[in-house]
């Protein structure tokens, strides 16, 4: 079977022998093993990010680029990416490298743009299909008009990488496709017709006829808003200039383990504890040498730290952390607050929620919900990201991605640099409930990068901290918590056998509570009509079960 790698440059009408221009793409999708479906100018993730992770990577698929890896499509896989209404495309140019299999007839759609709205005076669809033998473009207008042209690839007589070009010109009213700037086909279209936006681009398939897919490789796709010639060498330089390695090391690192506890190790930010007793720990994830910092839902197990004013989380950032949830895990996980805004990561019934607030922590301006439950007693890497324009938050985990509605946070002010940002791990006040589980290795990056790059930097950052033998001593709180609050009558926690400190007969409710106050790590207790006193090392308000004659109390 004979195959051919072709650089399909879709957009740019002009003379094949004319002067070239140094244009910059409005959108750029490297479509390689590093970025997969991420658009790198605005760093927007694909709409089906969890499915894109299943698309195989060919490491040496495109030798014309420094990053040679390509994405390999099998006919059923595709990548959907959003095109916003922020930019007006009069002339439209789209480019990508392809290596299409020859046995993909009758149709092999590798690019399909479809507008959200059917504007009669504008281009609403662009469909590009074919293989190494011939290519075809179809341009559809909102009023029903269709212009199409098939371009047989007689020019390709030997193997190698070639450049092809499709274009729709706003002023000339022509659509054309070029092969290596020598062989071309074009048709008269309509002048004065721009591209309808917003919309969606699908790489690797047809958006309406979903049975039509693409078999082959893709890499380095772009969209321009010009109709002039771009030199193939210059286009390759555009692809090569996409940054694949973070420019700096992580800004802050909290190992959150049994050696460093809550200390930030790059700038030595000291933590604040709320308990008289040292933190407790659970076994950490594989690959990290130390135990992880445990949280029992109580304010007493929370740890407070801060982000310096020089690196406030006001613009782009990535905050990555390992998280483990226990069976009953509802509660706050991380709360960060500056003098103008804050965000909260919490868990409810196994689902993660990320909310953005103003400084009052009133109604959130944006909420991100992960529609996948996290299994208890399983370590996950969770990454909180704020985009380049500081207009939305994203929450990224194992094979899933969730983002907030961008429009809801348009008016959020950037944090003032006049004060540090306070960060609470666990619950921020005695009256609220924190999550139950463990955290370890929290790392702040002052940039946004693909998940694969962040994971590499995360693991490297965490393991680097264990090269020394320093162990941080615990500095306890200065005041003992003594407030006892009844949570529910005729109820008690479910079977928390793992969290039962002791179960005994007490002479009175007062005595039962007093002994809990004096017992290390006692966070709550129950007292029944038979004078049965049970002490728990968990702070729980949700998930209680009916138990006639038993009242449940917490220490706050």
Protein backbone atom coordinates (compact mmCIF):
# COMPACT_ATOMS: atom_id res chain seq x y z
CA UNK A 1 0.00 0.00 0.00
CA UNK A 2 1.38 3.35 -1.01
CA UNK A 3 0.86 6.25 1.37
CA UNK A 4 1.86 9.84 1.19
CA UNK A 5 2.41 12.49 3.87
CA UNK A 6 0.90 15.78 2.79
CA UNK A 7 0.86 19.15 4.45
CA UNK A 8 -2.67 20.30 3.76
CA UNK A 9 -2.66 24.06 3.98
CA UNK A 10 -6.30 25.04 4.00
CA UNK A 11 -6.81 28.71 3.50
CA UNK A 12 -4.41 31.20 1.79
CA UNK A 13 -5.36 32.12 -1.75
CA UNK A 14 -2.49 33.55 -3.77
CA UNK A 15 0.06 32.93 -6.45
CA UNK A 16 2.25 29.92 -6.04
CA UNK A 17 5.26 31.90 -7.23
CA UNK A 18 4.32 35.23 -5.59
CA UNK A 19 5.76 36.98 -2.62
CA UNK A 20 5.06 35.26 0.69
CA UNK A 21 3.86 36.86 3.91
CA UNK A 22 4.72 36.14 7.52
CA UNK A 23 1.25 35.66 8.89
CA UNK A 24 0.39 34.41 12.36
CA UNK A 25 -2.41 31.88 12.79
CA UNK A 26 -5.47 32.83 14.80
CA UNK A 27 -5.70 29.23 16.02
CA UNK A 28 -2.99 26.58 16.25
CA UNK A 29 -3.47 22.90 17.08
CA UNK A 30 -0.17 20.95 17.11
CA UNK A 31 -2.11 17.63 17.05
CA UNK A 32 0.90 15.75 18.39
CA UNK A 33 1.77 13.58 21.35
CA UNK A 34 2.52 16.58 23.56
CA UNK A 35 -0.55 18.77 23.04
CA UNK A 36 -3.03 16.34 21.45
CA UNK A 37 -6.21 18.42 20.93
CA UNK A 38 -5.14 21.57 22.78
CA UNK A 39 -5.24 24.92 20.93
CA UNK A 40 -2.02 26.63 21.90
CA UNK A 41 -2.69 30.33 21.17
CA UNK A 42 -5.45 30.53 23.79
CA UNK A 43 -4.65 27.17 25.42
CA UNK A 44 -8.19 25.88 24.99
CA UNK A 45 -8.81 22.17 25.44
CA UNK A 46 -10.76 20.04 23.00
CA UNK A 47 -14.48 19.55 23.65
CA UNK A 48 -14.00 15.76 23.96
CA UNK A 49 -10.75 15.80 25.92
CA UNK A 50 -11.43 12.47 27.66
CA UNK A 51 -11.79 10.70 24.29
CA UNK A 52 -8.79 12.38 22.72
CA UNK A 53 -6.52 10.64 25.21
CA UNK A 54 -7.38 7.34 23.48
CA UNK A 55 -6.06 8.45 20.08
CA UNK A 56 -2.69 6.71 19.44
CA UNK A 57 0.49 8.68 18.83
CA UNK A 58 3.03 7.98 16.09
CA UNK A 59 6.30 9.27 17.51
CA UNK A 60 8.13 9.80 14.17
CA UNK A 61 5.13 10.49 11.96
CA UNK A 62 6.15 13.91 10.57
CA UNK A 63 9.90 14.32 9.93
CA UNK A 64 9.34 17.87 8.61
CA UNK A 65 8.85 19.17 12.16
CA UNK A 66 11.03 19.24 15.25
CA UNK A 67 8.24 17.55 17.21
CA UNK A 68 7.70 14.63 14.85
CA UNK A 69 4.84 12.93 16.67
CA UNK A 70 1.41 12.77 15.02
CA UNK A 71 -2.06 11.59 16.02
CA UNK A 72 -3.27 8.38 14.36
CA UNK A 73 -7.01 8.15 13.56
CA UNK A 74 -8.73 4.80 12.90
CA UNK A 75 -11.95 6.04 11.27
CA UNK A 76 -13.99 6.20 14.49
CA UNK A 77 -11.93 8.68 16.50
CA UNK A 78 -12.15 12.45 16.18
CA UNK A 79 -11.26 15.68 17.97
CA UNK A 80 -13.81 18.48 18.40
CA UNK A 81 -12.43 21.96 19.09
CA UNK A 82 -14.34 25.23 19.63
CA UNK A 83 -14.06 28.31 17.43
CA UNK A 84 -15.21 31.39 19.33
CA UNK A 85 -16.95 34.51 18.08
CA UNK A 86 -14.04 36.66 19.28
CA UNK A 87 -12.43 36.88 15.83
CA UNK A 88 -14.07 37.72 12.48
CA UNK A 89 -12.79 35.59 9.58
CA UNK A 90 -13.40 37.30 6.25
CA UNK A 91 -10.94 35.25 4.23
CA UNK A 92 -10.32 31.95 5.96
CA UNK A 93 -7.21 29.77 5.91
CA UNK A 94 -6.78 26.40 7.57
CA UNK A 95 -3.70 24.18 7.47
CA UNK A 96 -2.61 20.75 8.60
CA UNK A 97 -0.23 17.94 7.78
CA UNK A 98 -1.88 14.68 6.80
CA UNK A 99 -0.88 11.12 5.98
CA UNK A 100 -4.08 9.52 4.75
CA UNK A 101 -4.40 5.82 3.96
CA UNK A 102 -5.23 5.04 0.33
CA UNK A 103 -8.09 2.66 1.16
CA UNK A 104 -10.36 5.33 2.64
CA UNK A 105 -12.74 5.83 -0.30
CA UNK A 106 -15.44 6.77 -1.01
CA UNK A 107 -15.01 9.45 1.71
CA UNK A 108 -12.35 10.31 4.26
CA UNK A 109 -13.14 13.57 6.07
CA UNK A 110 -10.20 14.91 8.05
CA UNK A 111 -11.51 18.46 8.67
CA UNK A 112 -15.08 19.73 9.09
CA UNK A 113 -15.99 23.19 10.32
CA UNK A 114 -19.65 23.72 11.19
CA UNK A 115 -21.02 27.06 12.40
CA UNK A 116 -23.32 27.22 15.41
CA UNK A 117 -25.81 29.49 13.62
CA UNK A 118 -27.14 29.14 10.07
CA UNK A 119 -26.42 32.69 8.84
CA UNK A 120 -27.69 32.90 5.26
CA UNK A 121 -25.11 35.44 4.09
CA UNK A 122 -22.07 33.61 5.44
CA UNK A 123 -20.06 30.40 5.09
CA UNK A 124 -21.49 27.88 7.53
CA UNK A 125 -19.49 24.74 6.68
CA UNK A 126 -16.09 23.81 5.26
CA UNK A 127 -15.46 20.11 4.59
CA UNK A 128 -12.07 18.72 3.54
CA UNK A 129 -11.63 15.10 2.61
CA UNK A 130 -9.49 12.71 0.61
CA UNK A 131 -6.29 10.71 0.66
CA UNK A 132 -2.93 10.76 -1.11
CA UNK A 133 -4.57 10.25 -4.51
CA UNK A 134 -7.03 13.12 -4.49
CA UNK A 135 -8.47 15.80 -2.21
CA UNK A 136 -11.85 17.50 -2.20
CA UNK A 137 -13.17 20.65 -0.58
CA UNK A 138 -16.80 21.65 -0.04
CA UNK A 139 -17.95 25.11 1.03
CA UNK A 140 -21.54 25.54 2.21
CA UNK A 141 -23.45 28.78 2.75
CA UNK A 142 -26.36 29.43 5.08
CA UNK A 143 -28.72 30.08 2.15
CA UNK A 144 -28.15 26.55 0.81
CA UNK A 145 -25.52 27.31 -1.85
CA UNK A 146 -22.71 24.75 -2.16
CA UNK A 147 -19.38 25.01 -3.99
CA UNK A 148 -17.18 21.94 -4.32
CA UNK A 149 -14.09 20.87 -6.23
CA UNK A 150 -12.11 17.64 -6.39
CA UNK A 151 -8.40 17.87 -6.97
CA UNK A 152 -6.66 14.74 -8.25
CA UNK A 153 -3.16 14.43 -6.96
CA UNK A 154 -1.27 13.73 -10.17
CA UNK A 155 1.71 15.67 -8.85
CA UNK A 156 2.64 13.12 -6.18
CA UNK A 157 4.80 10.50 -7.85
CA UNK A 158 7.11 9.62 -4.98
CA UNK A 159 7.01 9.40 -1.23
CA UNK A 160 7.70 12.47 0.90
CA UNK A 161 6.06 15.39 2.66
CA UNK A 162 4.20 17.90 0.52
CA UNK A 163 2.31 21.07 1.14
CA UNK A 164 -1.22 21.65 -0.12
CA UNK A 165 -3.45 24.69 0.24
CA UNK A 166 -7.17 25.42 0.34
CA UNK A 167 -8.53 28.97 0.45
CA UNK A 168 -11.71 30.99 0.37
CA UNK A 169 -11.06 34.63 -0.49
CA UNK A 170 -13.45 37.29 0.80
CA UNK A 171 -12.53 39.83 -1.88
CA UNK A 172 -11.92 37.58 -4.92
CA UNK A 173 -14.81 35.24 -4.20
CA UNK A 174 -12.82 32.13 -5.07
CA UNK A 175 -12.11 28.83 -3.37
CA UNK A 176 -8.99 26.91 -4.29
CA UNK A 177 -6.72 24.08 -3.29
CA UNK A 178 -3.00 23.87 -4.06
CA UNK A 179 -0.45 21.05 -4.03
CA UNK A 180 3.07 22.16 -3.21
CA UNK A 181 2.31 25.57 -4.71
CA UNK A 182 2.54 24.10 -8.22
CA UNK A 183 -0.54 21.98 -8.86
CA UNK A 184 -3.88 23.67 -8.03
CA UNK A 185 -7.64 23.60 -8.59
CA UNK A 186 -10.10 26.41 -7.91
CA UNK A 187 -13.73 27.37 -8.44
CA UNK A 188 -15.64 30.64 -8.44
CA UNK A 189 -17.48 31.06 -5.16
CA UNK A 190 -19.08 34.19 -3.68
CA UNK A 191 -17.29 37.40 -2.82
CA UNK A 192 -17.98 39.36 0.34
CA UNK A 193 -18.90 36.23 2.30
CA UNK A 194 -17.14 35.72 5.63
CA UNK A 195 -17.05 32.70 7.91
CA UNK A 196 -19.92 32.38 10.36
CA UNK A 197 -18.65 32.14 13.95
CA UNK A 198 -18.83 30.67 16.54
CA UNK A 199 -18.66 27.06 15.53
CA UNK A 200 -16.86 23.74 15.94
CA UNK A 201 -14.03 22.11 14.03
CA UNK A 202 -13.88 18.34 13.91
CA UNK A 203 -10.55 16.76 13.05
CA UNK A 204 -10.97 13.19 11.83
CA UNK A 205 -14.64 13.05 10.85
CA UNK A 206 -17.87 14.56 9.56
CA UNK A 207 -20.07 16.32 12.14
CA UNK A 208 -23.41 15.54 10.44
CA UNK A 209 -22.74 12.23 8.69
CA UNK A 210 -21.04 10.77 11.73
CA UNK A 211 -20.37 7.46 9.99
CA UNK A 212 -17.78 9.18 7.81
CA UNK A 213 -14.40 9.21 9.52
CA UNK A 214 -10.73 9.46 8.67
CA UNK A 215 -8.00 6.82 8.63
CA UNK A 216 -4.47 8.16 8.82
CA UNK A 217 -2.30 10.67 10.66
CA UNK A 218 -2.74 14.39 11.37
CA UNK A 219 -0.48 17.05 12.86
CA UNK A 220 -0.03 20.82 13.14
CA UNK A 221 -3.34 22.39 12.08
CA UNK A 222 -3.95 26.15 11.90
CA UNK A 223 -6.57 28.72 10.96
CA UNK A 224 -5.62 32.10 9.45
CA UNK A 225 -7.69 35.09 8.40
CA UNK A 226 -5.69 36.01 5.26
CA UNK A 227 -5.74 35.09 1.54
CA UNK A 228 -2.07 35.44 0.69
CA UNK A 229 0.81 33.08 0.10
CA UNK A 230 2.74 31.66 3.07
CA UNK A 231 6.09 30.07 2.42
CA UNK A 232 6.09 26.35 3.38
CA UNK A 233 9.33 26.77 5.31
CA UNK A 234 7.82 29.63 7.29
CA UNK A 235 4.75 27.54 8.05
CA UNK A 236 6.96 24.76 9.40
CA UNK A 237 8.67 27.35 11.61
CA UNK A 238 5.27 28.32 13.02
CA UNK A 239 4.70 24.71 14.03
CA UNK A 240 8.21 24.42 15.48
CA UNK A 241 7.78 27.57 17.56
CA UNK A 242 5.00 26.06 19.67
CA UNK A 243 6.49 25.76 23.14
CA UNK A 244 6.51 22.19 24.39
CA UNK A 245 8.61 22.67 27.52
CA UNK A 246 7.72 24.96 30.43
CA UNK A 247 10.07 27.96 30.51
CA UNK A 248 10.57 27.85 34.24
CA UNK A 249 10.47 25.42 37.13
CA UNK A 250 7.45 25.25 39.45
CA UNK A 251 7.09 28.32 41.63
CA UNK A 252 6.00 26.63 44.85
CA UNK A 253 6.10 23.04 46.10
CA UNK A 254 4.35 21.59 49.16
CA UNK A 255 5.39 17.93 49.64
CA UNK A 256 2.54 17.43 52.18
CA UNK A 257 4.12 14.31 53.62
CA UNK A 258 5.48 12.92 56.87
CA UNK A 259 8.84 14.66 56.38
CA UNK A 260 7.93 18.18 55.33
CA UNK A 261 4.35 18.20 56.60
CA UNK A 262 2.78 21.52 55.49
CA UNK A 263 6.02 23.38 54.72
CA UNK A 264 6.46 24.96 51.27
CA UNK A 265 10.01 23.98 50.39
CA UNK A 266 11.10 26.40 47.62
CA UNK A 267 10.55 29.63 49.56
CA UNK A 268 10.14 28.12 53.06
CA UNK A 269 6.58 29.30 53.71
CA UNK A 270 5.72 28.03 57.18
CA UNK A 271 2.32 26.37 57.67
CA UNK A 272 -0.22 27.06 60.40
CA UNK A 273 -1.86 24.17 62.23
CA UNK A 274 -5.07 24.17 64.26
CA UNK A 275 -4.38 21.16 66.45
CA UNK A 276 -2.31 20.47 69.53
CA UNK A 277 -1.39 17.10 68.02
CA UNK A 278 0.87 16.49 65.02
CA UNK A 279 -0.74 15.70 61.66
CA UNK A 280 -1.55 12.13 60.76
CA UNK A 281 -0.52 10.36 57.58
CA UNK A 282 -1.68 7.70 55.13
CA UNK A 283 0.24 5.64 52.60
CA UNK A 284 1.03 7.81 49.59
CA UNK A 285 0.81 7.03 45.87
CA UNK A 286 3.25 4.72 44.16
CA UNK A 287 6.33 6.54 42.98
CA UNK A 288 6.50 8.93 45.93
CA UNK A 289 8.64 7.72 48.83
CA UNK A 290 6.84 9.17 51.86
CA UNK A 291 3.42 9.00 53.48
CA UNK A 292 0.71 11.54 52.62
CA UNK A 293 -0.90 14.18 54.85
CA UNK A 294 -4.25 12.91 56.16
CA UNK A 295 -7.45 14.93 56.70
CA UNK A 296 -10.35 13.80 58.90
CA UNK A 297 -13.00 16.41 58.04
CA UNK A 298 -12.33 18.54 61.11
CA UNK A 299 -10.97 22.05 61.26
CA UNK A 300 -8.35 20.57 63.60
CA UNK A 301 -6.74 18.63 60.75
CA UNK A 302 -6.66 21.59 58.35
CA UNK A 303 -3.39 23.24 57.34
CA UNK A 304 -3.08 26.90 56.35
CA UNK A 305 -0.43 28.26 54.02
CA UNK A 306 -0.14 31.15 51.55
CA UNK A 307 0.91 32.23 48.07
CA UNK A 308 3.18 35.34 48.06
CA UNK A 309 1.88 38.55 46.54
CA UNK A 310 4.49 38.29 43.77
CA UNK A 311 2.82 35.16 42.38
CA UNK A 312 -0.89 35.58 43.17
CA UNK A 313 -3.21 33.25 41.28
CA UNK A 314 -4.72 36.08 39.28
CA UNK A 315 -3.72 35.29 35.73
CA UNK A 316 -2.65 31.96 34.28
CA UNK A 317 -1.64 29.17 36.63
CA UNK A 318 -1.77 25.43 37.18
CA UNK A 319 -2.13 24.03 40.70
CA UNK A 320 -1.57 20.26 40.76
CA UNK A 321 -2.04 17.92 43.72
CA UNK A 322 -2.44 14.23 44.51
CA UNK A 323 -5.82 13.51 46.15
CA UNK A 324 -7.20 10.40 47.88
CA UNK A 325 -10.79 10.21 49.14
CA UNK A 326 -12.16 8.00 51.88
CA UNK A 327 -15.57 6.29 51.69
CA UNK A 328 -17.46 9.16 53.34
CA UNK A 329 -15.54 12.11 51.96
CA UNK A 330 -17.92 15.08 51.56
CA UNK A 331 -16.37 18.45 52.40
CA UNK A 332 -13.92 21.18 51.42
CA UNK A 333 -10.52 20.20 50.01
CA UNK A 334 -8.73 23.44 49.05
CA UNK A 335 -9.82 27.04 49.56
CA UNK A 336 -7.72 29.94 48.25
CA UNK A 337 -8.64 33.57 48.88
CA UNK A 338 -7.11 36.96 48.11
CA UNK A 339 -8.58 40.34 48.96
CA UNK A 340 -10.63 40.32 45.74
CA UNK A 341 -11.45 36.75 44.79
CA UNK A 342 -11.15 33.13 45.79
CA UNK A 343 -11.85 29.59 44.66
CA UNK A 344 -12.98 26.44 46.44
CA UNK A 345 -12.42 22.79 45.53
CA UNK A 346 -14.69 20.40 47.37
CA UNK A 347 -16.26 16.96 47.03
CA UNK A 348 -19.92 15.96 47.30
CA UNK A 349 -21.03 12.34 46.96
CA UNK A 350 -17.81 11.48 45.17
CA UNK A 351 -18.08 14.34 42.63
CA UNK A 352 -15.57 17.17 42.50
CA UNK A 353 -16.75 20.79 42.37
CA UNK A 354 -14.63 23.89 41.71
CA UNK A 355 -16.22 27.28 42.44
CA UNK A 356 -14.93 30.81 41.89
CA UNK A 357 -16.06 33.55 44.30
CA UNK A 358 -15.58 37.21 44.89
CA UNK A 359 -13.87 38.20 48.14
CA UNK A 360 -17.08 37.72 50.15
CA UNK A 361 -17.47 34.03 49.22
CA UNK A 362 -21.12 34.64 48.42
CA UNK A 363 -22.76 33.20 45.29
CA UNK A 364 -20.06 31.78 43.00
CA UNK A 365 -19.56 33.51 39.67
CA UNK A 366 -18.59 30.19 38.10
CA UNK A 367 -18.82 26.53 39.08
CA UNK A 368 -17.06 23.56 37.51
CA UNK A 369 -18.54 20.10 38.03
CA UNK A 370 -16.74 16.86 37.17
CA UNK A 371 -19.36 14.39 35.99
CA UNK A 372 -17.28 11.37 37.00
CA UNK A 373 -17.20 9.99 40.53
CA UNK A 374 -13.84 9.45 42.15
CA UNK A 375 -13.37 5.98 43.60
CA UNK A 376 -12.52 5.86 47.31
CA UNK A 377 -9.02 4.81 48.36
CA UNK A 378 -7.59 5.56 44.91
CA UNK A 379 -5.02 8.25 44.25
CA UNK A 380 -5.85 10.87 41.62
CA UNK A 381 -3.86 13.78 40.24
CA UNK A 382 -6.13 16.83 40.06
CA UNK A 383 -5.05 20.05 38.32
CA UNK A 384 -6.78 23.41 38.80
CA UNK A 385 -6.07 25.77 35.90
CA UNK A 386 -6.93 29.38 35.19
CA UNK A 387 -6.71 30.37 31.55
CA UNK A 388 -4.54 33.00 29.89
CA UNK A 389 -7.26 35.64 29.97
CA UNK A 390 -8.25 34.90 33.60
CA UNK A 391 -11.85 34.38 32.49
CA UNK A 392 -12.50 30.76 33.36
CA UNK A 393 -11.30 27.91 35.51
CA UNK A 394 -10.62 24.34 34.46
CA UNK A 395 -10.43 21.14 36.49
CA UNK A 396 -8.38 18.33 35.00
CA UNK A 397 -7.94 14.79 36.21
CA UNK A 398 -7.44 11.24 35.03
CA UNK A 399 -8.98 11.18 31.53
CA UNK A 400 -11.45 13.99 32.19
CA UNK A 401 -11.62 17.73 31.86
CA UNK A 402 -14.23 20.20 33.07
CA UNK A 403 -14.27 23.97 32.62
CA UNK A 404 -16.45 26.78 33.91
CA UNK A 405 -18.72 28.84 31.73
CA UNK A 406 -16.33 31.50 30.46
CA UNK A 407 -18.94 34.26 30.27
CA UNK A 408 -19.85 34.05 33.96
CA UNK A 409 -16.46 35.34 35.08
CA UNK A 410 -15.83 38.04 32.51
CA UNK A 411 -16.11 40.82 35.10
CA UNK A 412 -14.01 39.18 37.82
CA UNK A 413 -11.20 41.58 38.81
CA UNK A 414 -7.64 40.38 38.99
CA UNK A 415 -6.34 39.99 42.56
CA UNK A 416 -4.59 43.01 43.97
CA UNK A 417 -0.86 42.50 44.58
CA UNK A 418 -1.12 44.23 47.93
CA UNK A 419 -1.57 41.07 50.00
CA UNK A 420 -0.73 37.38 49.99
CA UNK A 421 -3.28 34.81 48.94
CA UNK A 422 -4.36 32.61 51.84
CA UNK A 423 -4.68 28.89 51.08
CA UNK A 424 -6.43 26.43 53.37
CA UNK A 425 -6.02 22.68 52.91
CA UNK A 426 -9.10 21.08 54.40
CA UNK A 427 -11.90 23.12 55.92
CA UNK A 428 -11.50 26.84 56.62
CA UNK A 429 -13.65 27.16 59.76
CA UNK A 430 -14.74 25.10 62.74
CA UNK A 431 -18.41 25.10 61.74
CA UNK A 432 -17.85 23.62 58.27
CA UNK A 433 -17.06 20.09 57.17
CA UNK A 434 -13.87 19.17 55.38
CA UNK A 435 -13.10 16.22 53.16
CA UNK A 436 -11.89 12.89 54.50
CA UNK A 437 -8.82 11.43 52.85
CA UNK A 438 -5.30 12.62 52.07
CA UNK A 439 -3.28 15.12 50.02
CA UNK A 440 0.32 14.98 48.93
CA UNK A 441 2.70 16.83 46.61
CA UNK A 442 0.93 20.10 45.75
CA UNK A 443 2.79 22.13 43.11
CA UNK A 444 2.07 25.61 41.74
CA UNK A 445 3.07 26.42 38.16
CA UNK A 446 2.75 30.03 37.00
CA UNK A 447 1.89 28.87 33.50
CA UNK A 448 -0.45 26.53 31.67
CA UNK A 449 0.93 23.52 29.81
CA UNK A 450 -0.44 20.21 28.48
CA UNK A 451 -1.28 17.61 31.08
CA UNK A 452 1.56 15.33 29.97
CA UNK A 453 4.12 18.10 30.53
CA UNK A 454 2.60 19.07 33.87
CA UNK A 455 2.62 15.46 35.08
CA UNK A 456 6.27 15.12 34.18
CA UNK A 457 7.11 18.34 36.05
CA UNK A 458 4.87 17.35 38.96
CA UNK A 459 6.59 14.00 39.48
CA UNK A 460 10.01 15.57 39.03
CA UNK A 461 9.24 18.35 41.51
CA UNK A 462 7.89 15.98 44.13
CA UNK A 463 10.77 13.52 43.95
CA UNK A 464 13.41 16.28 43.96
CA UNK A 465 12.34 17.33 47.45
CA UNK A 466 13.35 13.95 48.88
CA UNK A 467 17.00 14.22 47.95
CA UNK A 468 17.81 15.68 51.36
CA UNK A 469 17.24 14.23 54.81
CA UNK A 470 15.51 17.24 56.34
CA UNK A 471 12.50 16.55 58.53
CA UNK A 472 10.31 19.44 59.65
CA UNK A 473 9.29 19.54 63.31
CA UNK A 474 5.62 20.02 64.07
CA UNK A 475 4.62 23.39 65.56
CA UNK A 476 1.31 22.96 67.32
CA UNK A 477 -1.58 25.36 67.69
CA UNK A 478 -1.67 27.79 70.59
CA UNK A 479 -5.29 27.21 71.66
CA UNK A 480 -7.35 24.11 72.39
CA UNK A 481 -10.75 23.73 70.75
CA UNK A 482 -13.39 23.25 73.44
CA UNK A 483 -16.75 23.86 71.75
CA UNK A 484 -19.12 20.87 71.58
CA UNK A 485 -22.04 21.02 69.16
CA UNK A 486 -24.88 18.55 68.74
CA UNK A 487 -25.21 17.60 65.09
CA UNK A 488 -28.25 15.32 65.15
CA UNK A 489 -30.66 13.67 67.59
CA UNK A 490 -31.49 9.98 67.26
CA UNK A 491 -28.69 9.57 64.71
CA UNK A 492 -25.11 8.44 64.63
CA UNK A 493 -22.39 7.87 62.03
CA UNK A 494 -22.68 4.73 59.88
CA UNK A 495 -20.32 1.82 60.41
CA UNK A 496 -17.10 3.76 60.94
CA UNK A 497 -15.26 0.83 62.49
CA UNK A 498 -11.98 2.13 61.06
CA UNK A 499 -12.58 5.49 62.73
CA UNK A 500 -13.86 4.34 66.11
CA UNK A 501 -11.30 5.26 68.76
CA UNK A 502 -13.15 3.50 71.55
CA UNK A 503 -16.63 2.49 72.65
CA UNK A 504 -17.36 2.44 76.40
CA UNK A 505 -19.92 3.14 79.11
CA UNK A 506 -19.72 6.68 80.44
CA UNK A 507 -21.40 7.99 83.57
CA UNK A 508 -22.82 11.04 81.75
CA UNK A 509 -22.96 12.98 78.50
CA UNK A 510 -20.65 15.59 80.04
CA UNK A 511 -18.09 12.98 80.93
CA UNK A 512 -18.28 11.44 77.46
CA UNK A 513 -17.61 14.81 75.82
CA UNK A 514 -14.88 15.76 78.27
CA UNK A 515 -12.97 12.57 77.59
CA UNK A 516 -13.26 13.22 73.84
CA UNK A 517 -11.73 16.68 74.37
CA UNK A 518 -8.84 15.09 76.25
CA UNK A 519 -8.29 12.28 73.74
CA UNK A 520 -5.84 13.00 70.89
CA UNK A 521 -7.54 13.07 67.49
CA UNK A 522 -11.06 12.65 68.89
CA UNK A 523 -13.18 14.76 66.53
CA UNK A 524 -16.73 13.63 67.37
CA UNK A 525 -18.67 11.34 69.65
CA UNK A 526 -22.09 9.81 70.20
CA UNK A 527 -23.96 9.19 73.44
CA UNK A 528 -26.93 6.87 73.85
CA UNK A 529 -29.65 6.15 76.38
CA UNK A 530 -27.70 3.15 77.70
CA UNK A 531 -24.88 5.58 78.55
CA UNK A 532 -22.88 4.21 75.62
CA UNK A 533 -20.15 6.64 74.60
CA UNK A 534 -18.36 6.26 71.26
CA UNK A 535 -15.38 8.40 70.25
CA UNK A 536 -14.53 8.88 66.55
CA UNK A 537 -11.45 10.28 64.87
CA UNK A 538 -13.63 11.74 62.09
CA UNK A 539 -15.68 14.88 61.75
CA UNK A 540 -18.87 14.00 59.84
CA UNK A 541 -22.15 15.83 59.35
CA UNK A 542 -23.52 14.09 56.28
CA UNK A 543 -24.41 10.43 55.83
CA UNK A 544 -25.64 9.85 59.38
CA UNK A 545 -27.97 6.89 60.03
CA UNK A 546 -31.00 6.61 62.30
CA UNK A 547 -30.20 5.37 65.80
CA UNK A 548 -33.07 5.90 68.30
CA UNK A 549 -31.89 7.17 71.65
CA UNK A 550 -28.44 8.23 70.39
CA UNK A 551 -27.24 11.78 69.84
CA UNK A 552 -24.20 12.71 67.78
CA UNK A 553 -21.82 15.58 68.67
CA UNK A 554 -18.79 17.22 67.06
CA UNK A 555 -15.92 19.23 68.50
CA UNK A 556 -15.76 22.66 66.97
